[in-house]
Amino acid sequence: MKTIKSEDQTEGLKCHICNQTIKHIYSLERHIKVVHEGHRPFVCHCSKAFATREQFTRHTNSKHSLAKPYICEMGCNKAFASYSARSYHHKILHEKLKYRCPWLGCEKEYSSSFHLSKHLKKPHDLLLQVINTIQFLD
């Protein structure tokens, strides 16, 4: 494997494939293996593969662990292996939906502006379009 060393030692090393600057030779070697060669030596029994032991451990703990100490406190009592999974569940299912479609007659609500904007790109029912046009003309 050929690496190109930068002339200025403070800049580090450059990947010869994508020109990303990386500080250490071992980090550059890992970058090439993982990013450009798809090296994923840590394989789970569910067939997902990971580049690092940390990623593999995080996956097995969150997806395959029997221990689920994080209980939803909103009354549904669903259990989660990680705090972040419980937080995501809470945001999606229990937070008040703040983003409502402005079309008269459309009752859709979303927890993020991103999801509302995706909804607004879809054509609404012809009846809703007629109602909104009449409302606009009044």
Protein backbone atom coordinates (compact mmCIF):
# COMPACT_ATOMS: atom_id res chain seq x y z
CA MET A 1 0.00 0.00 0.00
CA LYS A 2 1.42 3.35 -1.03
CA THR A 3 0.78 6.41 1.09
CA ILE A 4 1.69 9.94 0.20
CA LYS A 5 3.24 11.86 3.03
CA SER A 6 2.58 15.56 3.22
CA GLU A 7 5.54 17.93 3.01
CA ASP A 8 4.34 19.81 6.09
CA GLN A 9 4.33 17.40 9.06
CA THR A 10 1.52 19.37 10.76
CA GLU A 11 -0.84 18.50 7.90
CA GLY A 12 -0.47 14.74 8.39
CA LEU A 13 -0.88 12.12 5.67
CA LYS A 14 -3.14 12.14 2.62
CA CYS A 15 -5.16 9.22 1.35
CA HIS A 16 -4.05 8.52 -2.22
CA ILE A 17 -7.65 7.62 -3.17
CA CYS A 18 -9.77 10.48 -1.80
CA ASN A 19 -7.12 13.01 -0.64
CA GLN A 20 -8.53 13.11 2.90
CA THR A 21 -5.89 14.29 5.36
CA ILE A 22 -5.27 11.91 8.27
CA LYS A 23 -2.82 12.44 11.14
CA HIS A 24 -1.39 8.97 11.79
CA ILE A 25 -0.23 6.15 9.54
CA TYR A 26 -2.33 3.54 11.38
CA SER A 27 -5.41 5.77 11.00
CA LEU A 28 -4.69 6.13 7.28
CA GLU A 29 -4.34 2.37 6.88
CA ARG A 30 -7.63 1.81 8.75
CA HIS A 31 -9.32 4.54 6.64
CA ILE A 32 -8.29 2.85 3.38
CA LYS A 33 -9.38 -0.60 4.60
CA VAL A 34 -12.75 0.54 5.96
CA VAL A 35 -13.78 3.32 3.59
CA HIS A 36 -12.28 2.20 0.29
CA GLU A 37 -12.02 -1.58 0.67
CA GLY A 38 -15.16 -2.16 2.76
CA HIS A 39 -13.29 -4.10 5.46
CA ARG A 40 -15.80 -5.17 8.16
CA PRO A 41 -14.22 -7.92 10.30
CA PHE A 42 -16.79 -7.89 13.12
CA VAL A 43 -19.82 -9.89 11.93
CA CYS A 44 -22.96 -10.36 13.99
CA HIS A 45 -25.10 -13.51 13.88
CA CYS A 46 -27.78 -11.38 12.13
CA SER A 47 -25.32 -10.87 9.22
CA LYS A 48 -24.58 -7.19 9.86
CA ALA A 49 -20.87 -6.41 9.73
CA PHE A 50 -18.89 -3.64 11.42
CA ALA A 51 -15.51 -2.00 10.99
CA THR A 52 -14.76 -1.64 14.70
CA ARG A 53 -15.33 -3.67 17.84
CA GLU A 54 -17.05 -0.64 19.40
CA GLN A 55 -19.63 -0.49 16.59
CA PHE A 56 -20.22 -4.23 16.88
CA THR A 57 -20.64 -4.03 20.67
CA ARG A 58 -23.04 -1.08 20.40
CA HIS A 59 -25.09 -3.02 17.84
CA THR A 60 -25.29 -6.23 19.88
CA ASN A 61 -26.15 -4.35 23.07
CA SER A 62 -28.90 -2.31 21.43
CA LYS A 63 -30.39 -4.93 19.08
CA HIS A 64 -29.79 -8.31 20.68
CA SER A 65 -29.48 -7.68 24.41
CA LEU A 66 -32.04 -9.28 26.68
CA ALA A 67 -31.42 -6.55 29.24
CA LYS A 68 -33.69 -3.60 28.51
CA PRO A 69 -33.40 -1.30 31.52
CA TYR A 70 -34.81 1.84 29.86
CA ILE A 71 -38.59 1.79 30.31
CA CYS A 72 -40.89 4.29 28.62
CA GLU A 73 -42.37 6.52 31.31
CA MET A 74 -45.35 7.66 29.24
CA GLY A 75 -47.58 4.74 30.13
CA CYS A 76 -46.88 2.30 27.31
CA ASN A 77 -44.15 0.58 29.41
CA LYS A 78 -42.14 -0.44 26.35
CA ALA A 79 -38.54 -1.40 27.26
CA PHE A 80 -35.32 -0.45 25.46
CA ALA A 81 -31.70 -1.54 25.63
CA SER A 82 -30.37 2.02 25.31
CA TYR A 83 -31.28 5.50 26.45
CA SER A 84 -31.09 6.80 22.88
CA ALA A 85 -33.57 4.17 21.65
CA ARG A 86 -36.02 5.16 24.39
CA SER A 87 -35.55 8.85 23.55
CA TYR A 88 -36.25 8.18 19.88
CA HIS A 89 -39.39 6.20 20.80
CA HIS A 90 -40.57 9.05 23.03
CA LYS A 91 -40.02 11.67 20.33
CA ILE A 92 -41.82 9.68 17.65
CA LEU A 93 -44.76 8.35 19.68
CA HIS A 94 -45.32 10.62 22.66
CA GLU A 95 -44.20 14.17 21.88
CA LYS A 96 -46.85 16.59 20.78
CA LEU A 97 -46.87 16.83 17.00
CA LYS A 98 -45.99 20.45 16.23
CA TYR A 99 -45.98 20.60 12.44
CA ARG A 100 -49.45 20.56 10.90
CA CYS A 101 -50.31 20.58 7.21
CA PRO A 102 -51.70 24.02 6.28
CA TRP A 103 -54.16 22.60 3.74
CA LEU A 104 -57.74 23.08 4.93
CA GLY A 105 -59.25 19.64 5.45
CA CYS A 106 -55.91 17.83 5.78
CA GLU A 107 -55.40 16.60 9.33
CA LYS A 108 -51.79 15.37 8.97
CA GLU A 109 -49.35 16.35 11.74
CA TYR A 110 -45.62 15.67 12.06
CA SER A 111 -42.94 15.82 14.73
CA SER A 112 -40.44 17.55 12.43
CA SER A 113 -40.46 20.20 9.73
CA PHE A 114 -38.54 17.79 7.49
CA HIS A 115 -41.38 15.25 7.51
CA LEU A 116 -43.99 17.99 6.95
CA SER A 117 -42.04 19.29 3.94
CA LYS A 118 -41.97 15.74 2.49
CA HIS A 119 -45.75 15.54 2.98
CA LEU A 120 -46.30 18.92 1.31
CA LYS A 121 -44.45 17.77 -1.81
CA LYS A 122 -47.10 15.10 -2.38
CA PRO A 123 -50.24 16.18 -4.24
CA HIS A 124 -53.28 16.56 -2.02
CA ASP A 125 -56.69 15.18 -2.87
CA LEU A 126 -58.50 17.15 -5.59
CA LEU A 127 -61.33 17.93 -3.16
CA LEU A 128 -58.87 19.53 -0.72
CA GLN A 129 -57.40 21.59 -3.57
CA VAL A 130 -60.87 22.88 -4.53
CA ILE A 131 -61.74 23.71 -0.89
CA ASN A 132 -58.45 25.57 -0.43
CA THR A 133 -58.89 27.48 -3.70
CA ILE A 134 -62.41 28.59 -2.68
CA GLN A 135 -61.12 29.53 0.79
CA PHE A 136 -58.33 31.60 -0.83
CA LEU A 137 -60.78 33.44 -3.13
CA ASP A 138 -63.09 34.46 -0.27
